[in-house]
PDB file of all heavy atoms in Angstrom:
ATOM      1  N   GLU A   1       0.280   4.134   9.289  1.00  0.00           N
ATOM      2  CA  GLU A   1      -0.583   3.487   8.322  1.00  0.00           C
ATOM      3  C   GLU A   1      -1.960   3.196   9.052  1.00  0.00           C
ATOM      4  O   GLU A   1      -3.026   3.261   8.436  1.00  0.00           O
ATOM      5  CB  GLU A   1       0.042   2.149   7.864  1.00  0.00           C
ATOM      6  CG  GLU A   1      -0.781   1.397   6.724  1.00  0.00           C
ATOM      7  CD  GLU A   1      -1.789   0.401   7.283  1.00  0.00           C
ATOM      8  OE1 GLU A   1      -1.725   0.167   8.570  1.00  0.00           O
ATOM      9  OE2 GLU A   1      -2.525  -0.194   6.467  1.00  0.00           O
ATOM     10  N   GLU A   2      -1.876   2.854  10.298  1.00  0.00           N
ATOM     11  CA  GLU A   2      -3.133   2.429  11.027  1.00  0.00           C
ATOM     12  C   GLU A   2      -4.111   3.551  11.279  1.00  0.00           C
ATOM     13  O   GLU A   2      -5.202   3.307  11.798  1.00  0.00           O
ATOM     14  CB  GLU A   2      -2.680   1.736  12.339  1.00  0.00           C
ATOM     15  CG  GLU A   2      -1.797   0.555  12.165  1.00  0.00           C
ATOM     16  CD  GLU A   2      -2.549  -0.677  11.658  1.00  0.00           C
ATOM     17  OE1 GLU A   2      -3.706  -0.529  11.277  1.00  0.00           O
ATOM     18  OE2 GLU A   2      -1.891  -1.747  11.590  1.00  0.00           O
ATOM     19  N   VAL A   3      -3.780   4.760  10.891  1.00  0.00           N
ATOM     20  CA  VAL A   3      -4.662   5.898  11.153  1.00  0.00           C
ATOM     21  C   VAL A   3      -5.051   6.579   9.832  1.00  0.00           C
ATOM     22  O   VAL A   3      -5.388   7.777   9.780  1.00  0.00           O
ATOM     23  CB  VAL A   3      -4.035   6.885  12.072  1.00  0.00           C
ATOM     24  CG1 VAL A   3      -3.913   6.290  13.514  1.00  0.00           C
ATOM     25  CG2 VAL A   3      -2.712   7.411  11.632  1.00  0.00           C
ATOM     26  N   GLY A   4      -5.080   5.750   8.734  1.00  0.00           N
ATOM     27  CA  GLY A   4      -5.474   6.357   7.527  1.00  0.00           C
ATOM     28  C   GLY A   4      -4.368   6.418   6.486  1.00  0.00           C
ATOM     29  O   GLY A   4      -4.411   7.294   5.570  1.00  0.00           O
ATOM     30  N   ALA A   5      -3.348   5.499   6.510  1.00  0.00           N
ATOM     31  CA  ALA A   5      -2.269   5.487   5.560  1.00  0.00           C
ATOM     32  C   ALA A   5      -1.635   6.872   5.438  1.00  0.00           C
ATOM     33  O   ALA A   5      -1.259   7.287   4.329  1.00  0.00           O
ATOM     34  CB  ALA A   5      -2.716   5.020   4.225  1.00  0.00           C
ATOM     35  N   ARG A   6      -1.454   7.559   6.592  1.00  0.00           N
ATOM     36  CA  ARG A   6      -0.948   8.952   6.486  1.00  0.00           C
ATOM     37  C   ARG A   6       0.470   9.026   5.921  1.00  0.00           C
ATOM     38  O   ARG A   6       0.836   9.875   5.163  1.00  0.00           O
ATOM     39  CB  ARG A   6      -0.984   9.575   7.919  1.00  0.00           C
ATOM     40  CG  ARG A   6      -2.357   9.814   8.440  1.00  0.00           C
ATOM     41  CD  ARG A   6      -3.071  10.920   7.644  1.00  0.00           C
ATOM     42  NE  ARG A   6      -4.099  11.625   8.448  1.00  0.00           N
ATOM     43  CZ  ARG A   6      -5.338  11.250   8.510  1.00  0.00           C
ATOM     44  NH1 ARG A   6      -5.832  10.126   7.873  1.00  0.00           N
ATOM     45  NH2 ARG A   6      -6.197  11.895   9.300  1.00  0.00           N
ATOM     46  N   GLY A   7       1.317   8.041   6.375  1.00  0.00           N
ATOM     47  CA  GLY A   7       2.728   8.065   5.849  1.00  0.00           C
ATOM     48  C   GLY A   7       2.791   7.840   4.366  1.00  0.00           C
ATOM     49  O   GLY A   7       3.544   8.466   3.645  1.00  0.00           O
ATOM     50  N   ALA A   8       2.027   6.829   3.941  1.00  0.00           N
ATOM     51  CA  ALA A   8       2.025   6.544   2.509  1.00  0.00           C
ATOM     52  C   ALA A   8       1.435   7.715   1.705  1.00  0.00           C
ATOM     53  O   ALA A   8       1.884   7.987   0.526  1.00  0.00           O
ATOM     54  CB  ALA A   8       1.220   5.266   2.211  1.00  0.00           C
ATOM     55  N   GLU A   9       0.370   8.308   2.264  1.00  0.00           N
ATOM     56  CA  GLU A   9      -0.200   9.463   1.544  1.00  0.00           C
ATOM     57  C   GLU A   9       0.804  10.582   1.443  1.00  0.00           C
ATOM     58  O   GLU A   9       0.876  11.221   0.358  1.00  0.00           O
ATOM     59  CB  GLU A   9      -1.464   9.904   2.293  1.00  0.00           C
ATOM     60  CG  GLU A   9      -2.134  11.131   1.766  1.00  0.00           C
ATOM     61  CD  GLU A   9      -2.754  10.873   0.365  1.00  0.00           C
ATOM     62  OE1 GLU A   9      -3.300   9.764   0.120  1.00  0.00           O
ATOM     63  OE2 GLU A   9      -2.683  11.754  -0.549  1.00  0.00           O
ATOM     64  N   TYR A  10       1.567  10.848   2.516  1.00  0.00           N
ATOM     65  CA  TYR A  10       2.539  11.909   2.382  1.00  0.00           C
ATOM     66  C   TYR A  10       3.654  11.521   1.389  1.00  0.00           C
ATOM     67  O   TYR A  10       4.094  12.445   0.660  1.00  0.00           O
ATOM     68  CB  TYR A  10       3.165  12.071   3.797  1.00  0.00           C
ATOM     69  CG  TYR A  10       4.115  13.280   3.878  1.00  0.00           C
ATOM     70  CD1 TYR A  10       3.626  14.575   4.205  1.00  0.00           C
ATOM     71  CD2 TYR A  10       5.462  13.099   3.681  1.00  0.00           C
ATOM     72  CE1 TYR A  10       4.473  15.609   4.249  1.00  0.00           C
ATOM     73  CE2 TYR A  10       6.292  14.237   3.685  1.00  0.00           C
ATOM     74  CZ  TYR A  10       5.762  15.504   4.014  1.00  0.00           C
ATOM     75  OH  TYR A  10       6.642  16.576   4.016  1.00  0.00           O
ATOM     76  N   LEU A  11       4.012  10.294   1.370  1.00  0.00           N
ATOM     77  CA  LEU A  11       5.126   9.885   0.422  1.00  0.00           C
ATOM     78  C   LEU A  11       4.569  10.002  -1.039  1.00  0.00           C
ATOM     79  O   LEU A  11       5.261  10.507  -1.901  1.00  0.00           O
ATOM     80  CB  LEU A  11       5.489   8.426   0.687  1.00  0.00           C
ATOM     81  CG  LEU A  11       6.400   7.753  -0.308  1.00  0.00           C
ATOM     82  CD1 LEU A  11       7.722   8.540  -0.373  1.00  0.00           C
ATOM     83  CD2 LEU A  11       6.684   6.326   0.039  1.00  0.00           C
ATOM     84  N   ALA A  12       3.270   9.663  -1.268  1.00  0.00           N
ATOM     85  CA  ALA A  12       2.698   9.789  -2.600  1.00  0.00           C
ATOM     86  C   ALA A  12       2.673  11.291  -2.979  1.00  0.00           C
ATOM     87  O   ALA A  12       2.901  11.560  -4.139  1.00  0.00           O
ATOM     88  CB  ALA A  12       1.284   9.139  -2.621  1.00  0.00           C
ATOM     89  N   ARG A  13       2.323  12.160  -2.094  1.00  0.00           N
ATOM     90  CA  ARG A  13       2.271  13.603  -2.438  1.00  0.00           C
ATOM     91  C   ARG A  13       3.550  14.249  -2.579  1.00  0.00           C
ATOM     92  O   ARG A  13       3.722  15.344  -3.119  1.00  0.00           O
ATOM     93  CB  ARG A  13       1.393  14.318  -1.407  1.00  0.00           C
ATOM     94  CG  ARG A  13      -0.137  14.018  -1.484  1.00  0.00           C
ATOM     95  CD  ARG A  13      -0.917  14.952  -0.554  1.00  0.00           C
ATOM     96  NE  ARG A  13      -0.871  14.526   0.826  1.00  0.00           N
ATOM     97  CZ  ARG A  13      -0.180  15.195   1.669  1.00  0.00           C
ATOM     98  NH1 ARG A  13       0.550  16.308   1.415  1.00  0.00           N
ATOM     99  NH2 ARG A  13      -0.132  14.819   2.976  1.00  0.00           N
ATOM    100  N   SER A  14       4.615  13.587  -1.999  1.00  0.00           N
ATOM    101  CA  SER A  14       5.952  14.220  -2.020  1.00  0.00           C
ATOM    102  C   SER A  14       6.610  14.214  -3.389  1.00  0.00           C
ATOM    103  O   SER A  14       7.579  14.902  -3.583  1.00  0.00           O
ATOM    104  CB  SER A  14       6.851  13.564  -0.990  1.00  0.00           C
ATOM    105  OG  SER A  14       7.224  12.235  -1.434  1.00  0.00           O
ATOM    106  N   GLY A  15       6.094  13.304  -4.257  1.00  0.00           N
ATOM    107  CA  GLY A  15       6.697  13.274  -5.625  1.00  0.00           C
ATOM    108  C   GLY A  15       7.938  12.328  -5.673  1.00  0.00           C
ATOM    109  O   GLY A  15       8.548  12.268  -6.740  1.00  0.00           O
ATOM    110  N   ARG A  16       8.245  11.628  -4.627  1.00  0.00           N
ATOM    111  CA  ARG A  16       9.452  10.777  -4.567  1.00  0.00           C
ATOM    112  C   ARG A  16       9.272   9.498  -5.391  1.00  0.00           C
ATOM    113  O   ARG A  16      10.183   8.881  -5.814  1.00  0.00           O
ATOM    114  CB  ARG A  16       9.824  10.493  -3.135  1.00  0.00           C
ATOM    115  CG  ARG A  16      10.237  11.681  -2.281  1.00  0.00           C
ATOM    116  CD  ARG A  16      11.581  12.228  -2.826  1.00  0.00           C
ATOM    117  NE  ARG A  16      12.617  11.104  -2.757  1.00  0.00           N
ATOM    118  CZ  ARG A  16      13.330  10.955  -1.642  1.00  0.00           C
ATOM    119  NH1 ARG A  16      13.189  11.594  -0.603  1.00  0.00           N
ATOM    120  NH2 ARG A  16      14.280   9.929  -1.718  1.00  0.00           N
ATOM    121  N   VAL A  17       7.951   9.139  -5.596  1.00  0.00           N
ATOM    122  CA  VAL A  17       7.623   7.937  -6.330  1.00  0.00           C
ATOM    123  C   VAL A  17       7.033   8.282  -7.673  1.00  0.00           C
ATOM    124  O   VAL A  17       5.992   8.870  -7.826  1.00  0.00           O
ATOM    125  CB  VAL A  17       6.609   7.027  -5.537  1.00  0.00           C
ATOM    126  CG1 VAL A  17       6.199   5.815  -6.327  1.00  0.00           C
ATOM    127  CG2 VAL A  17       7.187   6.632  -4.213  1.00  0.00           C
ATOM    128  N   PRO A  18       7.811   8.029  -8.723  1.00  0.00           N
ATOM    129  CA  PRO A  18       7.340   8.415 -10.081  1.00  0.00           C
ATOM    130  C   PRO A  18       6.093   7.730 -10.585  1.00  0.00           C
ATOM    131  O   PRO A  18       5.831   6.603 -10.092  1.00  0.00           O
ATOM    132  CB  PRO A  18       8.573   8.169 -10.983  1.00  0.00           C
ATOM    133  CG  PRO A  18       9.308   7.108 -10.272  1.00  0.00           C
ATOM    134  CD  PRO A  18       9.080   7.365  -8.803  1.00  0.00           C
ATOM    135  N   PRO A  19       5.350   8.273 -11.503  1.00  0.00           N
ATOM    136  CA  PRO A  19       4.128   7.634 -11.906  1.00  0.00           C
ATOM    137  C   PRO A  19       4.272   6.273 -12.566  1.00  0.00           C
ATOM    138  O   PRO A  19       3.334   5.435 -12.505  1.00  0.00           O
ATOM    139  CB  PRO A  19       3.530   8.615 -12.953  1.00  0.00           C
ATOM    140  CG  PRO A  19       4.190   9.922 -12.632  1.00  0.00           C
ATOM    141  CD  PRO A  19       5.544   9.641 -12.064  1.00  0.00           C
ATOM    142  N   ASP A  20       5.460   5.946 -13.115  1.00  0.00           N
ATOM    143  CA  ASP A  20       5.683   4.649 -13.649  1.00  0.00           C
ATOM    144  C   ASP A  20       6.343   3.673 -12.807  1.00  0.00           C
ATOM    145  O   ASP A  20       6.846   2.619 -13.195  1.00  0.00           O
ATOM    146  CB  ASP A  20       6.498   4.783 -15.037  1.00  0.00           C
ATOM    147  CG  ASP A  20       7.833   5.388 -14.765  1.00  0.00           C
ATOM    148  OD1 ASP A  20       8.105   5.848 -13.641  1.00  0.00           O
ATOM    149  OD2 ASP A  20       8.688   5.440 -15.655  1.00  0.00           O
ATOM    150  N   ALA A  21       6.341   3.933 -11.464  1.00  0.00           N
ATOM    151  CA  ALA A  21       7.058   3.009 -10.516  1.00  0.00           C
ATOM    152  C   ALA A  21       6.211   1.793 -10.327  1.00  0.00           C
ATOM    153  O   ALA A  21       5.069   1.723 -10.650  1.00  0.00           O
ATOM    154  CB  ALA A  21       7.211   3.761  -9.200  1.00  0.00           C
ATOM    155  N   LEU A  22       6.882   0.751  -9.748  1.00  0.00           N
ATOM    156  CA  LEU A  22       6.202  -0.434  -9.307  1.00  0.00           C
ATOM    157  C   LEU A  22       6.274  -0.515  -7.783  1.00  0.00           C
ATOM    158  O   LEU A  22       7.414  -0.318  -7.225  1.00  0.00           O
ATOM    159  CB  LEU A  22       6.887  -1.669  -9.921  1.00  0.00           C
ATOM    160  CG  LEU A  22       6.978  -1.835 -11.424  1.00  0.00           C
ATOM    161  CD1 LEU A  22       7.705  -3.059 -11.782  1.00  0.00           C
ATOM    162  CD2 LEU A  22       5.515  -1.857 -12.056  1.00  0.00           C
ATOM    163  N   VAL A  23       5.152  -0.676  -7.196  1.00  0.00           N
ATOM    164  CA  VAL A  23       5.149  -0.621  -5.694  1.00  0.00           C
ATOM    165  C   VAL A  23       4.747  -1.997  -5.149  1.00  0.00           C
ATOM    166  O   VAL A  23       3.722  -2.562  -5.473  1.00  0.00           O
ATOM    167  CB  VAL A  23       4.148   0.370  -5.160  1.00  0.00           C
ATOM    168  CG1 VAL A  23       4.083   0.320  -3.590  1.00  0.00           C
ATOM    169  CG2 VAL A  23       4.517   1.771  -5.622  1.00  0.00           C
ATOM    170  N   LEU A  24       5.666  -2.664  -4.353  1.00  0.00           N
ATOM    171  CA  LEU A  24       5.428  -3.920  -3.752  1.00  0.00           C
ATOM    172  C   LEU A  24       5.249  -3.707  -2.190  1.00  0.00           C
ATOM    173  O   LEU A  24       6.235  -3.301  -1.496  1.00  0.00           O
ATOM    174  CB  LEU A  24       6.524  -4.907  -4.010  1.00  0.00           C
ATOM    175  CG  LEU A  24       6.384  -6.278  -3.332  1.00  0.00           C
ATOM    176  CD1 LEU A  24       5.110  -7.014  -3.669  1.00  0.00           C
ATOM    177  CD2 LEU A  24       7.662  -7.159  -3.679  1.00  0.00           C
ATOM    178  N   ASN A  25       4.076  -3.959  -1.729  1.00  0.00           N
ATOM    179  CA  ASN A  25       3.737  -3.708  -0.305  1.00  0.00           C
ATOM    180  C   ASN A  25       3.636  -5.052   0.445  1.00  0.00           C
ATOM    181  O   ASN A  25       3.122  -5.993  -0.118  1.00  0.00           O
ATOM    182  CB  ASN A  25       2.497  -2.912  -0.201  1.00  0.00           C
ATOM    183  CG  ASN A  25       2.130  -2.600   1.171  1.00  0.00           C
ATOM    184  OD1 ASN A  25       2.906  -2.047   1.925  1.00  0.00           O
ATOM    185  ND2 ASN A  25       0.876  -2.831   1.635  1.00  0.00           N
ATOM    186  N   LEU A  26       4.154  -5.134   1.689  1.00  0.00           N
ATOM    187  CA  LEU A  26       4.054  -6.286   2.510  1.00  0.00           C
ATOM    188  C   LEU A  26       3.396  -5.960   3.812  1.00  0.00           C
ATOM    189  O   LEU A  26       3.768  -5.086   4.467  1.00  0.00           O
ATOM    190  CB  LEU A  26       5.450  -6.874   2.766  1.00  0.00           C
ATOM    191  CG  LEU A  26       6.106  -7.306   1.455  1.00  0.00           C
ATOM    192  CD1 LEU A  26       7.467  -6.605   1.241  1.00  0.00           C
ATOM    193  CD2 LEU A  26       6.371  -8.774   1.414  1.00  0.00           C
ATOM    194  N   ASP A  27       2.324  -6.745   4.134  1.00  0.00           N
ATOM    195  CA  ASP A  27       1.502  -6.436   5.290  1.00  0.00           C
ATOM    196  C   ASP A  27       0.883  -7.751   5.864  1.00  0.00           C
ATOM    197  O   ASP A  27       0.308  -8.517   5.122  1.00  0.00           O
ATOM    198  CB  ASP A  27       0.380  -5.497   4.845  1.00  0.00           C
ATOM    199  CG  ASP A  27      -0.212  -4.711   5.999  1.00  0.00           C
ATOM    200  OD1 ASP A  27      -0.008  -5.108   7.177  1.00  0.00           O
ATOM    201  OD2 ASP A  27      -0.875  -3.678   5.766  1.00  0.00           O
ATOM    202  N   ASN A  28       1.165  -7.981   7.138  1.00  0.00           N
ATOM    203  CA  ASN A  28       0.605  -9.161   7.827  1.00  0.00           C
ATOM    204  C   ASN A  28       1.056 -10.482   7.123  1.00  0.00           C
ATOM    205  O   ASN A  28       0.173 -11.256   6.624  1.00  0.00           O
ATOM    206  CB  ASN A  28      -0.895  -9.088   7.879  1.00  0.00           C
ATOM    207  CG  ASN A  28      -1.439  -8.121   8.918  1.00  0.00           C
ATOM    208  OD1 ASN A  28      -1.608  -8.561  10.045  1.00  0.00           O
ATOM    209  ND2 ASN A  28      -1.771  -6.951   8.494  1.00  0.00           N
ATOM    210  N   VAL A  29       2.342 -10.766   7.121  1.00  0.00           N
ATOM    211  CA  VAL A  29       2.804 -11.920   6.334  1.00  0.00           C
ATOM    212  C   VAL A  29       3.407 -13.018   7.366  1.00  0.00           C
ATOM    213  O   VAL A  29       4.188 -13.778   6.914  1.00  0.00           O
ATOM    214  CB  VAL A  29       3.821 -11.540   5.324  1.00  0.00           C
ATOM    215  CG1 VAL A  29       3.144 -10.641   4.215  1.00  0.00           C
ATOM    216  CG2 VAL A  29       5.005 -10.797   5.879  1.00  0.00           C
ATOM    217  N   GLY A  30       2.965 -13.030   8.559  1.00  0.00           N
ATOM    218  CA  GLY A  30       3.546 -13.903   9.543  1.00  0.00           C
ATOM    219  C   GLY A  30       2.810 -15.182   9.842  1.00  0.00           C
ATOM    220  O   GLY A  30       3.255 -16.016  10.629  1.00  0.00           O
ATOM    221  N   LYS A  31       1.599 -15.420   9.200  1.00  0.00           N
ATOM    222  CA  LYS A  31       0.898 -16.638   9.492  1.00  0.00           C
ATOM    223  C   LYS A  31      -0.258 -16.735   8.542  1.00  0.00           C
ATOM    224  O   LYS A  31      -0.844 -15.729   8.148  1.00  0.00           O
ATOM    225  CB  LYS A  31       0.352 -16.641  10.897  1.00  0.00           C
ATOM    226  CG  LYS A  31      -0.168 -17.988  11.372  1.00  0.00           C
ATOM    227  CD  LYS A  31      -0.583 -17.935  12.854  1.00  0.00           C
ATOM    228  CE  LYS A  31      -1.122 -19.318  13.307  1.00  0.00           C
ATOM    229  NZ  LYS A  31      -1.531 -19.277  14.730  1.00  0.00           N
ATOM    230  N   GLY A  32      -0.627 -17.964   8.172  1.00  0.00           N
ATOM    231  CA  GLY A  32      -1.846 -18.198   7.236  1.00  0.00           C
ATOM    232  C   GLY A  32      -1.344 -18.430   5.784  1.00  0.00           C
ATOM    233  O   GLY A  32      -0.208 -18.548   5.425  1.00  0.00           O
ATOM    234  N   GLU A  33      -2.379 -18.427   4.925  1.00  0.00           N
ATOM    235  CA  GLU A  33      -2.122 -18.638   3.514  1.00  0.00           C
ATOM    236  C   GLU A  33      -1.764 -17.319   2.852  1.00  0.00           C
ATOM    237  O   GLU A  33      -2.302 -16.259   3.098  1.00  0.00           O
ATOM    238  CB  GLU A  33      -3.441 -19.200   2.880  1.00  0.00           C
ATOM    239  CG  GLU A  33      -3.252 -19.549   1.412  1.00  0.00           C
ATOM    240  CD  GLU A  33      -4.498 -20.098   0.779  1.00  0.00           C
ATOM    241  OE1 GLU A  33      -5.501 -20.156   1.506  1.00  0.00           O
ATOM    242  OE2 GLU A  33      -4.507 -20.403  -0.426  1.00  0.00           O
ATOM    243  N   LEU A  34      -0.811 -17.416   1.898  1.00  0.00           N
ATOM    244  CA  LEU A  34      -0.321 -16.221   1.238  1.00  0.00           C
ATOM    245  C   LEU A  34      -1.240 -15.861   0.064  1.00  0.00           C
ATOM    246  O   LEU A  34      -1.567 -16.697  -0.731  1.00  0.00           O
ATOM    247  CB  LEU A  34       1.058 -16.504   0.717  1.00  0.00           C
ATOM    248  CG  LEU A  34       1.852 -15.352   0.006  1.00  0.00           C
ATOM    249  CD1 LEU A  34       1.982 -14.166   0.973  1.00  0.00           C
ATOM    250  CD2 LEU A  34       3.103 -15.737  -0.554  1.00  0.00           C
ATOM    251  N   PHE A  35      -1.563 -14.625   0.011  1.00  0.00           N
ATOM    252  CA  PHE A  35      -2.355 -14.058  -1.057  1.00  0.00           C
ATOM    253  C   PHE A  35      -1.665 -12.851  -1.686  1.00  0.00           C
ATOM    254  O   PHE A  35      -0.870 -12.137  -0.966  1.00  0.00           O
ATOM    255  CB  PHE A  35      -3.732 -13.551  -0.536  1.00  0.00           C
ATOM    256  CG  PHE A  35      -4.707 -14.648  -0.128  1.00  0.00           C
ATOM    257  CD1 PHE A  35      -4.571 -15.137   1.176  1.00  0.00           C
ATOM    258  CD2 PHE A  35      -5.673 -15.178  -0.996  1.00  0.00           C
ATOM    259  CE1 PHE A  35      -5.434 -16.150   1.549  1.00  0.00           C
ATOM    260  CE2 PHE A  35      -6.447 -16.225  -0.551  1.00  0.00           C
ATOM    261  CZ  PHE A  35      -6.311 -16.735   0.735  1.00  0.00           C
ATOM    262  N   TYR A  36      -1.954 -12.539  -2.984  1.00  0.00           N
ATOM    263  CA  TYR A  36      -1.575 -11.273  -3.568  1.00  0.00           C
ATOM    264  C   TYR A  36      -2.911 -10.575  -3.844  1.00  0.00           C
ATOM    265  O   TYR A  36      -3.722 -11.095  -4.477  1.00  0.00           O
ATOM    266  CB  TYR A  36      -0.698 -11.454  -4.761  1.00  0.00           C
ATOM    267  CG  TYR A  36      -1.291 -12.086  -5.978  1.00  0.00           C
ATOM    268  CD1 TYR A  36      -1.995 -11.453  -6.889  1.00  0.00           C
ATOM    269  CD2 TYR A  36      -1.141 -13.538  -6.072  1.00  0.00           C
ATOM    270  CE1 TYR A  36      -2.583 -12.102  -8.018  1.00  0.00           C
ATOM    271  CE2 TYR A  36      -1.705 -14.121  -7.189  1.00  0.00           C
ATOM    272  CZ  TYR A  36      -2.418 -13.472  -8.169  1.00  0.00           C
ATOM    273  OH  TYR A  36      -2.957 -14.098  -9.229  1.00  0.00           O
ATOM    274  N   ALA A  37      -2.943  -9.309  -3.479  1.00  0.00           N
ATOM    275  CA  ALA A  37      -4.181  -8.514  -3.697  1.00  0.00           C
ATOM    276  C   ALA A  37      -4.224  -8.060  -5.170  1.00  0.00           C
ATOM    277  O   ALA A  37      -3.201  -7.634  -5.698  1.00  0.00           O
ATOM    278  CB  ALA A  37      -4.215  -7.331  -2.681  1.00  0.00           C
ATOM    279  N   THR A  38      -5.344  -8.220  -5.754  1.00  0.00           N
ATOM    280  CA  THR A  38      -5.564  -7.669  -7.119  1.00  0.00           C
ATOM    281  C   THR A  38      -6.186  -6.311  -7.128  1.00  0.00           C
ATOM    282  O   THR A  38      -6.312  -5.752  -8.185  1.00  0.00           O
ATOM    283  CB  THR A  38      -6.441  -8.655  -7.900  1.00  0.00           C
ATOM    284  OG1 THR A  38      -7.774  -8.781  -7.208  1.00  0.00           O
ATOM    285  CG2 THR A  38      -5.855 -10.011  -8.016  1.00  0.00           C
ATOM    286  N   GLY A  39      -6.517  -5.815  -5.907  1.00  0.00           N
ATOM    287  CA  GLY A  39      -7.056  -4.546  -5.729  1.00  0.00           C
ATOM    288  C   GLY A  39      -7.492  -4.315  -4.296  1.00  0.00           C
ATOM    289  O   GLY A  39      -7.462  -5.230  -3.451  1.00  0.00           O
ATOM    290  N   GLU A  40      -7.899  -3.144  -3.927  1.00  0.00           N
ATOM    291  CA  GLU A  40      -8.310  -2.919  -2.580  1.00  0.00           C
ATOM    292  C   GLU A  40      -9.362  -1.723  -2.490  1.00  0.00           C
ATOM    293  O   GLU A  40      -9.458  -0.931  -3.431  1.00  0.00           O
ATOM    294  CB  GLU A  40      -7.129  -2.490  -1.727  1.00  0.00           C
ATOM    295  CG  GLU A  40      -6.506  -1.181  -2.155  1.00  0.00           C
ATOM    296  CD  GLU A  40      -5.386  -0.786  -1.202  1.00  0.00           C
ATOM    297  OE1 GLU A  40      -5.653  -0.445  -0.030  1.00  0.00           O
ATOM    298  OE2 GLU A  40      -4.215  -0.759  -1.650  1.00  0.00           O
ATOM    299  N   GLY A  41     -10.099  -1.698  -1.421  1.00  0.00           N
ATOM    300  CA  GLY A  41     -11.050  -0.669  -1.218  1.00  0.00           C
ATOM    301  C   GLY A  41     -12.189  -1.047  -0.339  1.00  0.00           C
ATOM    302  O   GLY A  41     -12.913  -1.987  -0.558  1.00  0.00           O
ATOM    303  N   MET A  42     -12.362  -0.354   0.834  1.00  0.00           N
ATOM    304  CA  MET A  42     -13.523  -0.615   1.727  1.00  0.00           C
ATOM    305  C   MET A  42     -14.781  -0.131   1.088  1.00  0.00           C
ATOM    306  O   MET A  42     -15.820  -0.735   1.293  1.00  0.00           O
ATOM    307  CB  MET A  42     -13.273   0.007   3.051  1.00  0.00           C
ATOM    308  CG  MET A  42     -11.961  -0.515   3.693  1.00  0.00           C
ATOM    309  SD  MET A  42     -11.699   0.202   5.422  1.00  0.00           S
ATOM    310  CE  MET A  42     -12.919  -0.641   6.326  1.00  0.00           C
ATOM    311  N   LEU A  43     -14.702   1.030   0.438  1.00  0.00           N
ATOM    312  CA  LEU A  43     -15.890   1.645  -0.268  1.00  0.00           C
ATOM    313  C   LEU A  43     -15.564   1.797  -1.792  1.00  0.00           C
ATOM    314  O   LEU A  43     -16.193   1.174  -2.587  1.00  0.00           O
ATOM    315  CB  LEU A  43     -16.270   2.889   0.455  1.00  0.00           C
ATOM    316  CG  LEU A  43     -16.862   2.825   1.859  1.00  0.00           C
ATOM    317  CD1 LEU A  43     -17.024   4.193   2.481  1.00  0.00           C
ATOM    318  CD2 LEU A  43     -18.251   2.127   1.806  1.00  0.00           C
ATOM    319  N   VAL A  44     -14.681   2.719  -2.017  1.00  0.00           N
ATOM    320  CA  VAL A  44     -14.184   2.920  -3.465  1.00  0.00           C
ATOM    321  C   VAL A  44     -13.089   1.878  -3.698  1.00  0.00           C
ATOM    322  O   VAL A  44     -12.147   1.832  -2.951  1.00  0.00           O
ATOM    323  CB  VAL A  44     -13.709   4.312  -3.607  1.00  0.00           C
ATOM    324  CG1 VAL A  44     -13.253   4.493  -5.074  1.00  0.00           C
ATOM    325  CG2 VAL A  44     -14.844   5.328  -3.403  1.00  0.00           C
TER     326      VAL A  44
END
């Protein structure tokens, strides 16, 4: 993931996750205030 979400990109292209799936991702949850992201993007 740290080099461009390569693993997730491969999983998305593999077709294992159907278009109507729900994806719950957990990242950096060991300290601080809890947030849920409503979207993401450094540029787009």
